[in-house]
Every structure is written in structure tokens, then in C-alpha cells.
Amino acid sequence: MFLAKLRDRFNWFKKKGDTELTIKPGKCGWCNKGENGFKLIGNNSGEWTSYLIIKDEKEADIIDLIECTSFVEEGKRNPIDDFQGFK
């Protein structure tokens, strides 16, 4: 299932003219706060997408990838933390 999602997204990048992707690690900053993931950034288009890696809690197996719209790259501040009441 998650491989099909990645294949579709790779094809999307390809249609945008990208020949390489940069990967940036990070975490979700909101809905699934703290879940690990990664951001893919196209070398020509500058377009990006980010995914969270969902693992089986008992096993170390990856069971799904979900898109994350509130992804925060490692080493960067989560802007959501700046709003009162969200800390």
C-alpha cells in the first residue's frame, strides 16, 4: 500500500520535471505530533511532499505512510507552538 503511494508521488515529481529528490527528516507538528517522517523536495520544481512513517507498535514493521501537512524538519521550530494554548 505505501509503496503504491510512493510510486504515485515519484511519478508526480517526474511530471514536474524533477530528476532528483532531496530528503529531509523530521516529525509531525500537529495531528500526529511527534511521529517521525520525511520530506521529499524536487530538485527542479521545488515542490515538496512529506510523509509520516506509521509502524506496528509491537513489531518494527512499517505498516503505512501518511501524508503530513504540518511536517517540521529536524532542527526547525514548529510555528504552531507560537500560538497561545497550543503548547
C-alpha atoms as a PDB file:
ATOM      1  CA  MET A   1       0.000   0.000   0.000  1.00  0.00           C
ATOM      2  CA  PHE A   2       2.641   2.556   0.995  1.00  0.00           C
ATOM      3  CA  LEU A   3       4.832   1.559  -1.956  1.00  0.00           C
ATOM      4  CA  ALA A   4       1.981   2.459  -4.322  1.00  0.00           C
ATOM      5  CA  LYS A   5       1.696   5.862  -2.612  1.00  0.00           C
ATOM      6  CA  LEU A   6       5.405   6.492  -3.089  1.00  0.00           C
ATOM      7  CA  ARG A   7       5.320   5.358  -6.719  1.00  0.00           C
ATOM      8  CA  ASP A   8       2.456   7.755  -7.455  1.00  0.00           C
ATOM      9  CA  ARG A   9       4.279  10.632  -5.785  1.00  0.00           C
ATOM     10  CA  PHE A  10       7.547   9.843  -7.614  1.00  0.00           C
ATOM     11  CA  ASN A  11       5.623   9.943 -10.898  1.00  0.00           C
ATOM     12  CA  TRP A  12       4.137  13.311  -9.848  1.00  0.00           C
ATOM     13  CA  PHE A  13       7.650  14.691  -9.248  1.00  0.00           C
ATOM     14  CA  LYS A  14       8.781  13.292 -12.592  1.00  0.00           C
ATOM     15  CA  LYS A  15       5.924  15.099 -14.395  1.00  0.00           C
ATOM     16  CA  LYS A  16       7.045  18.328 -12.672  1.00  0.00           C
ATOM     17  CA  GLY A  17      10.493  17.898 -14.273  1.00  0.00           C
ATOM     18  CA  ASP A  18      12.360  16.660 -11.223  1.00  0.00           C
ATOM     19  CA  THR A  19      15.232  14.223 -11.732  1.00  0.00           C
ATOM     20  CA  GLU A  20      16.404  14.071  -8.111  1.00  0.00           C
ATOM     21  CA  LEU A  21      14.784  14.383  -4.713  1.00  0.00           C
ATOM     22  CA  THR A  22      16.273  15.740  -1.518  1.00  0.00           C
ATOM     23  CA  ILE A  23      15.111  14.006   1.640  1.00  0.00           C
ATOM     24  CA  LYS A  24      14.786  15.870   4.949  1.00  0.00           C
ATOM     25  CA  PRO A  25      13.948  14.041   8.196  1.00  0.00           C
ATOM     26  CA  GLY A  26      11.529  15.460  10.736  1.00  0.00           C
ATOM     27  CA  LYS A  27       8.308  14.966  12.668  1.00  0.00           C
ATOM     28  CA  CYS A  28       4.647  15.868  12.562  1.00  0.00           C
ATOM     29  CA  GLY A  29       3.943  19.150  14.315  1.00  0.00           C
ATOM     30  CA  TRP A  30       0.193  18.814  14.800  1.00  0.00           C
ATOM     31  CA  CYS A  31      -2.257  15.931  14.156  1.00  0.00           C
ATOM     32  CA  ASN A  32       0.204  13.101  14.762  1.00  0.00           C
ATOM     33  CA  LYS A  33       2.589  15.259  16.796  1.00  0.00           C
ATOM     34  CA  GLY A  34       5.969  13.665  17.280  1.00  0.00           C
ATOM     35  CA  GLU A  35       5.553  10.895  14.685  1.00  0.00           C
ATOM     36  CA  ASN A  36       8.701  10.513  12.589  1.00  0.00           C
ATOM     37  CA  GLY A  37       8.725  11.096   8.884  1.00  0.00           C
ATOM     38  CA  PHE A  38      10.459  12.698   5.960  1.00  0.00           C
ATOM     39  CA  LYS A  39      10.024  15.450   3.387  1.00  0.00           C
ATOM     40  CA  LEU A  40      10.836  14.945  -0.299  1.00  0.00           C
ATOM     41  CA  ILE A  41      11.827  18.062  -2.271  1.00  0.00           C
ATOM     42  CA  GLY A  42      12.133  18.127  -6.068  1.00  0.00           C
ATOM     43  CA  ASN A  43      15.426  19.445  -7.475  1.00  0.00           C
ATOM     44  CA  ASN A  44      13.871  21.440 -10.350  1.00  0.00           C
ATOM     45  CA  SER A  45      10.315  22.225  -9.321  1.00  0.00           C
ATOM     46  CA  GLY A  46      10.970  22.946  -5.640  1.00  0.00           C
ATOM     47  CA  GLU A  47       7.687  21.138  -4.963  1.00  0.00           C
ATOM     48  CA  TRP A  48       7.615  19.011  -1.844  1.00  0.00           C
ATOM     49  CA  THR A  49       5.583  16.435  -0.006  1.00  0.00           C
ATOM     50  CA  SER A  50       6.014  14.927   3.426  1.00  0.00           C
ATOM     51  CA  TYR A  51       5.113  11.567   4.889  1.00  0.00           C
ATOM     52  CA  LEU A  52       4.904  10.068   8.347  1.00  0.00           C
ATOM     53  CA  ILE A  53       6.112   6.528   8.860  1.00  0.00           C
ATOM     54  CA  ILE A  54       3.481   4.521  10.709  1.00  0.00           C
ATOM     55  CA  LYS A  55       4.898   1.455  12.432  1.00  0.00           C
ATOM     56  CA  ASP A  56       3.299  -1.510  14.131  1.00  0.00           C
ATOM     57  CA  GLU A  57       3.642  -0.816  17.863  1.00  0.00           C
ATOM     58  CA  LYS A  58       4.627  -4.402  18.726  1.00  0.00           C
ATOM     59  CA  GLU A  59       6.815  -5.015  15.702  1.00  0.00           C
ATOM     60  CA  ALA A  60       9.240  -2.675  13.987  1.00  0.00           C
ATOM     61  CA  ASP A  61       7.413  -3.155  10.674  1.00  0.00           C
ATOM     62  CA  ILE A  62       6.261  -0.187   8.632  1.00  0.00           C
ATOM     63  CA  ILE A  63       2.547  -0.585   8.044  1.00  0.00           C
ATOM     64  CA  ASP A  64       1.722   2.656   6.246  1.00  0.00           C
ATOM     65  CA  LEU A  65       2.868   6.064   5.088  1.00  0.00           C
ATOM     66  CA  ILE A  66       0.542   9.003   5.518  1.00  0.00           C
ATOM     67  CA  GLU A  67       0.917  12.468   4.070  1.00  0.00           C
ATOM     68  CA  CYS A  68       1.589  15.168   6.645  1.00  0.00           C
ATOM     69  CA  THR A  69       0.646  18.791   6.036  1.00  0.00           C
ATOM     70  CA  SER A  70       2.128  20.012   9.319  1.00  0.00           C
ATOM     71  CA  PHE A  71       5.587  18.490   8.947  1.00  0.00           C
ATOM     72  CA  VAL A  72       8.501  20.131  10.766  1.00  0.00           C
ATOM     73  CA  GLU A  73      12.029  19.455   9.525  1.00  0.00           C
ATOM     74  CA  GLU A  74      14.639  18.398  12.072  1.00  0.00           C
ATOM     75  CA  GLY A  75      16.304  21.403  13.645  1.00  0.00           C
ATOM     76  CA  LYS A  76      13.492  23.797  12.720  1.00  0.00           C
ATOM     77  CA  ARG A  77      10.975  25.380  15.057  1.00  0.00           C
ATOM     78  CA  ASN A  78       7.340  24.317  14.917  1.00  0.00           C
ATOM     79  CA  PRO A  79       5.375  27.533  14.117  1.00  0.00           C
ATOM     80  CA  ILE A  80       2.249  26.039  15.697  1.00  0.00           C
ATOM     81  CA  ASP A  81       3.970  26.259  19.106  1.00  0.00           C
ATOM     82  CA  ASP A  82       3.887  30.063  18.782  1.00  0.00           C
ATOM     83  CA  PHE A  83       0.093  30.179  19.137  1.00  0.00           C
ATOM     84  CA  GLN A  84      -1.278  30.557  22.667  1.00  0.00           C
ATOM     85  CA  GLY A  85      -2.991  27.485  24.009  1.00  0.00           C
ATOM     86  CA  PHE A  86      -1.231  25.084  21.675  1.00  0.00           C
ATOM     87  CA  LYS A  87       1.847  24.406  23.788  1.00  0.00           C
END
